[in-house]
Amino acid sequence: MTMDVLGKTLQVESEVWLYEPPHRIGQRNTRSGITGVFEYVLEPDGTGTTILFTCHIRPHGFMWLTLPWLLRSTRLRFCDQLSALKRAIENKD
């Protein structure tokens, strides 16, 4: 998985724990004492597709101290990610 964290591109190994094409995919990874579990659910809504994204972040050890910062940066990162996904889908021929 490629992630943008504060303008820095990171490559993170990720495990696919759920795969139900074309409606659901889930991934998880652990890096630097933080486990992230992510799920995307795609549902037709009459005029297009609604994407439901859930993200569970679990810091381990002293990384709990960084939780407020993690939540802020994660929310911004994934809002940008969903916008980029929308642009990619709409621009596909």
N, C-alpha and C. Protein backbone atom coordinates (compact mmCIF):
# COMPACT_ATOMS: atom_id res chain seq x y z
N MET A 1 0.85 -1.16 0.00
CA MET A 1 0.00 0.00 0.00
C MET A 1 0.91 1.23 0.00
N THR A 2 0.54 2.22 -0.78
CA THR A 2 1.26 3.48 -0.80
C THR A 2 0.44 4.51 -0.04
N MET A 3 1.08 5.21 0.90
CA MET A 3 0.38 6.20 1.72
C MET A 3 1.13 7.52 1.67
N ASP A 4 0.39 8.61 1.74
CA ASP A 4 0.97 9.94 1.86
C ASP A 4 0.76 10.38 3.30
N VAL A 5 1.85 10.55 4.03
CA VAL A 5 1.78 10.97 5.43
C VAL A 5 2.52 12.29 5.55
N LEU A 6 1.75 13.37 5.74
CA LEU A 6 2.31 14.70 5.87
C LEU A 6 3.24 15.05 4.71
N GLY A 7 2.80 14.69 3.50
CA GLY A 7 3.57 15.02 2.31
C GLY A 7 4.68 14.04 1.99
N LYS A 8 4.86 13.02 2.81
CA LYS A 8 5.90 12.02 2.57
C LYS A 8 5.23 10.73 2.10
N THR A 9 5.71 10.17 0.98
CA THR A 9 5.15 8.94 0.44
C THR A 9 5.80 7.74 1.12
N LEU A 10 4.97 6.86 1.67
CA LEU A 10 5.46 5.67 2.35
C LEU A 10 4.90 4.41 1.68
N GLN A 11 5.72 3.39 1.58
CA GLN A 11 5.28 2.08 1.13
C GLN A 11 5.09 1.22 2.37
N VAL A 12 3.89 0.67 2.55
CA VAL A 12 3.56 -0.13 3.73
C VAL A 12 2.99 -1.47 3.26
N GLU A 13 3.54 -2.55 3.80
CA GLU A 13 2.98 -3.86 3.49
C GLU A 13 1.63 -3.98 4.17
N SER A 14 0.63 -4.45 3.43
CA SER A 14 -0.73 -4.50 3.93
C SER A 14 -1.33 -5.87 3.62
N GLU A 15 -2.14 -6.38 4.53
CA GLU A 15 -2.82 -7.67 4.36
C GLU A 15 -4.27 -7.42 3.96
N VAL A 16 -4.73 -8.09 2.93
CA VAL A 16 -6.14 -8.03 2.55
C VAL A 16 -6.87 -9.07 3.41
N TRP A 17 -7.74 -8.61 4.30
CA TRP A 17 -8.45 -9.52 5.20
C TRP A 17 -9.89 -9.76 4.76
N LEU A 18 -10.37 -8.97 3.79
CA LEU A 18 -11.72 -9.10 3.28
C LEU A 18 -11.70 -8.75 1.81
N TYR A 19 -12.30 -9.60 0.98
CA TYR A 19 -12.37 -9.31 -0.44
C TYR A 19 -13.64 -9.91 -1.00
N GLU A 20 -14.61 -9.05 -1.32
CA GLU A 20 -15.89 -9.45 -1.89
C GLU A 20 -16.18 -8.55 -3.08
N PRO A 21 -15.50 -8.82 -4.22
CA PRO A 21 -15.70 -7.93 -5.37
C PRO A 21 -17.13 -8.01 -5.89
N PRO A 22 -17.69 -6.94 -6.37
CA PRO A 22 -17.10 -5.61 -6.48
C PRO A 22 -17.54 -4.67 -5.36
N HIS A 23 -17.97 -5.22 -4.21
CA HIS A 23 -18.59 -4.37 -3.20
C HIS A 23 -17.80 -4.10 -1.92
N ARG A 24 -16.85 -4.97 -1.56
CA ARG A 24 -16.15 -4.78 -0.29
C ARG A 24 -14.69 -5.20 -0.40
N ILE A 25 -13.82 -4.42 0.27
CA ILE A 25 -12.42 -4.81 0.44
C ILE A 25 -11.95 -4.29 1.79
N GLY A 26 -11.18 -5.08 2.47
CA GLY A 26 -10.62 -4.68 3.76
C GLY A 26 -9.14 -4.96 3.79
N GLN A 27 -8.38 -4.06 4.41
CA GLN A 27 -6.93 -4.20 4.55
C GLN A 27 -6.53 -3.90 5.97
N ARG A 28 -5.38 -4.46 6.38
CA ARG A 28 -4.83 -4.10 7.70
C ARG A 28 -3.32 -4.12 7.62
N ASN A 29 -2.72 -3.30 8.46
CA ASN A 29 -1.27 -3.28 8.55
C ASN A 29 -0.85 -2.77 9.92
N THR A 30 0.37 -3.12 10.29
CA THR A 30 0.96 -2.61 11.53
C THR A 30 2.31 -2.01 11.15
N ARG A 31 2.53 -0.78 11.60
CA ARG A 31 3.79 -0.08 11.31
C ARG A 31 4.08 0.87 12.46
N SER A 32 5.30 0.86 12.92
CA SER A 32 5.76 1.78 13.97
C SER A 32 4.85 1.76 15.19
N GLY A 33 4.40 0.59 15.61
CA GLY A 33 3.59 0.49 16.82
C GLY A 33 2.14 0.90 16.66
N ILE A 34 1.65 0.95 15.43
CA ILE A 34 0.26 1.36 15.19
C ILE A 34 -0.36 0.36 14.21
N THR A 35 -1.52 -0.19 14.58
CA THR A 35 -2.24 -1.09 13.68
C THR A 35 -3.42 -0.33 13.08
N GLY A 36 -3.56 -0.42 11.78
CA GLY A 36 -4.69 0.18 11.08
C GLY A 36 -5.51 -0.90 10.41
N VAL A 37 -6.82 -0.85 10.58
CA VAL A 37 -7.74 -1.78 9.92
C VAL A 37 -8.71 -0.92 9.11
N PHE A 38 -8.77 -1.18 7.80
CA PHE A 38 -9.52 -0.33 6.88
C PHE A 38 -10.51 -1.18 6.10
N GLU A 39 -11.68 -0.62 5.84
CA GLU A 39 -12.68 -1.32 5.03
C GLU A 39 -13.40 -0.32 4.14
N TYR A 40 -13.60 -0.73 2.88
CA TYR A 40 -14.35 0.06 1.91
C TYR A 40 -15.57 -0.76 1.49
N VAL A 41 -16.74 -0.16 1.54
CA VAL A 41 -17.97 -0.80 1.07
C VAL A 41 -18.55 0.11 -0.02
N LEU A 42 -18.77 -0.44 -1.20
CA LEU A 42 -19.33 0.31 -2.32
C LEU A 42 -20.76 -0.14 -2.55
N GLU A 43 -21.68 0.84 -2.58
CA GLU A 43 -23.10 0.53 -2.75
C GLU A 43 -23.70 1.43 -3.82
N PRO A 44 -24.43 0.85 -4.79
CA PRO A 44 -25.12 1.68 -5.78
C PRO A 44 -26.17 2.55 -5.08
N ASP A 45 -26.32 3.80 -5.54
CA ASP A 45 -27.30 4.68 -4.89
C ASP A 45 -28.26 5.34 -5.87
N GLY A 46 -28.37 4.82 -7.07
CA GLY A 46 -29.31 5.37 -8.04
C GLY A 46 -28.68 6.36 -8.99
N THR A 47 -27.81 7.24 -8.49
CA THR A 47 -27.15 8.22 -9.34
C THR A 47 -25.65 7.95 -9.46
N GLY A 48 -25.18 6.93 -8.79
CA GLY A 48 -23.75 6.62 -8.80
C GLY A 48 -23.46 5.56 -7.76
N THR A 49 -22.41 5.77 -7.02
CA THR A 49 -21.99 4.82 -5.99
C THR A 49 -21.64 5.56 -4.71
N THR A 50 -22.12 5.03 -3.61
CA THR A 50 -21.76 5.56 -2.30
C THR A 50 -20.65 4.68 -1.74
N ILE A 51 -19.60 5.31 -1.22
CA ILE A 51 -18.49 4.57 -0.62
C ILE A 51 -18.53 4.81 0.88
N LEU A 52 -18.63 3.73 1.62
CA LEU A 52 -18.56 3.79 3.08
C LEU A 52 -17.17 3.32 3.47
N PHE A 53 -16.43 4.17 4.14
CA PHE A 53 -15.06 3.86 4.54
C PHE A 53 -14.98 3.84 6.06
N THR A 54 -14.44 2.77 6.61
CA THR A 54 -14.20 2.72 8.06
C THR A 54 -12.72 2.48 8.28
N CYS A 55 -12.23 3.08 9.35
CA CYS A 55 -10.81 3.02 9.68
C CYS A 55 -10.69 2.89 11.20
N HIS A 56 -10.05 1.85 11.65
CA HIS A 56 -9.81 1.66 13.08
C HIS A 56 -8.30 1.71 13.30
N ILE A 57 -7.88 2.65 14.11
CA ILE A 57 -6.46 2.84 14.42
C ILE A 57 -6.22 2.41 15.87
N ARG A 58 -5.25 1.52 16.07
CA ARG A 58 -4.91 1.05 17.42
C ARG A 58 -3.43 1.25 17.68
N PRO A 59 -3.09 2.25 18.46
CA PRO A 59 -1.67 2.42 18.83
C PRO A 59 -1.30 1.38 19.90
N HIS A 60 -0.04 0.98 19.91
CA HIS A 60 0.46 0.03 20.90
C HIS A 60 1.55 0.72 21.72
N GLY A 61 1.60 0.40 23.02
CA GLY A 61 2.64 0.96 23.88
C GLY A 61 2.54 2.48 24.01
N PHE A 62 3.69 3.14 23.99
CA PHE A 62 3.71 4.59 24.18
C PHE A 62 3.07 5.35 23.03
N MET A 63 2.80 4.66 21.92
CA MET A 63 2.16 5.32 20.78
C MET A 63 0.76 5.83 21.12
N TRP A 64 0.16 5.35 22.24
CA TRP A 64 -1.12 5.89 22.70
C TRP A 64 -1.03 7.40 22.92
N LEU A 65 0.15 7.89 23.28
CA LEU A 65 0.33 9.32 23.51
C LEU A 65 0.13 10.14 22.23
N THR A 66 0.30 9.50 21.09
CA THR A 66 0.18 10.21 19.81
C THR A 66 -1.23 10.12 19.23
N LEU A 67 -2.16 9.48 19.93
CA LEU A 67 -3.50 9.23 19.37
C LEU A 67 -4.20 10.50 18.87
N PRO A 68 -4.23 11.61 19.61
CA PRO A 68 -4.92 12.80 19.08
C PRO A 68 -4.32 13.28 17.74
N TRP A 69 -3.02 13.28 17.63
CA TRP A 69 -2.37 13.68 16.37
C TRP A 69 -2.70 12.68 15.26
N LEU A 70 -2.66 11.39 15.59
CA LEU A 70 -2.96 10.36 14.60
C LEU A 70 -4.37 10.51 14.03
N LEU A 71 -5.32 10.76 14.90
CA LEU A 71 -6.71 10.90 14.44
C LEU A 71 -6.87 12.08 13.50
N ARG A 72 -6.25 13.21 13.83
CA ARG A 72 -6.35 14.38 12.95
C ARG A 72 -5.71 14.11 11.59
N SER A 73 -4.49 13.57 11.59
CA SER A 73 -3.79 13.36 10.32
C SER A 73 -4.46 12.26 9.51
N THR A 74 -4.96 11.22 10.16
CA THR A 74 -5.62 10.12 9.45
C THR A 74 -6.89 10.60 8.77
N ARG A 75 -7.68 11.40 9.47
CA ARG A 75 -8.93 11.91 8.90
C ARG A 75 -8.64 12.72 7.64
N LEU A 76 -7.66 13.60 7.68
CA LEU A 76 -7.32 14.41 6.52
C LEU A 76 -6.79 13.55 5.38
N ARG A 77 -5.93 12.60 5.69
CA ARG A 77 -5.33 11.75 4.67
C ARG A 77 -6.40 10.95 3.93
N PHE A 78 -7.36 10.38 4.66
CA PHE A 78 -8.35 9.54 4.00
C PHE A 78 -9.43 10.36 3.31
N CYS A 79 -9.69 11.57 3.75
CA CYS A 79 -10.60 12.44 2.98
C CYS A 79 -9.99 12.73 1.62
N ASP A 80 -8.70 13.01 1.59
CA ASP A 80 -8.01 13.24 0.32
C ASP A 80 -8.00 11.98 -0.54
N GLN A 81 -7.82 10.83 0.10
CA GLN A 81 -7.79 9.57 -0.63
C GLN A 81 -9.12 9.30 -1.33
N LEU A 82 -10.22 9.53 -0.65
CA LEU A 82 -11.53 9.28 -1.27
C LEU A 82 -11.80 10.25 -2.41
N SER A 83 -11.35 11.50 -2.28
CA SER A 83 -11.48 12.45 -3.39
C SER A 83 -10.66 12.01 -4.59
N ALA A 84 -9.46 11.50 -4.35
CA ALA A 84 -8.61 11.01 -5.44
C ALA A 84 -9.23 9.80 -6.11
N LEU A 85 -9.84 8.91 -5.33
CA LEU A 85 -10.53 7.75 -5.88
C LEU A 85 -11.68 8.19 -6.79
N LYS A 86 -12.45 9.16 -6.34
CA LYS A 86 -13.57 9.67 -7.14
C LYS A 86 -13.07 10.24 -8.47
N ARG A 87 -12.00 11.04 -8.41
CA ARG A 87 -11.45 11.62 -9.64
C ARG A 87 -10.96 10.53 -10.59
N ALA A 88 -10.29 9.51 -10.04
CA ALA A 88 -9.77 8.42 -10.88
C ALA A 88 -10.90 7.66 -11.56
N ILE A 89 -11.98 7.41 -10.84
CA ILE A 89 -13.11 6.68 -11.42
C ILE A 89 -13.80 7.52 -12.48
N GLU A 90 -14.01 8.80 -12.20
CA GLU A 90 -14.71 9.67 -13.15
C GLU A 90 -13.90 9.94 -14.41
N ASN A 91 -12.57 9.90 -14.32
CA ASN A 91 -11.71 10.18 -15.48
C ASN A 91 -11.36 8.93 -16.26
N LYS A 92 -11.80 7.78 -15.79
CA LYS A 92 -11.49 6.54 -16.50
C LYS A 92 -12.35 6.42 -17.77
N ASP A 93 -11.71 6.05 -18.87
CA ASP A 93 -12.43 5.91 -20.15
C ASP A 93 -13.15 4.60 -20.23
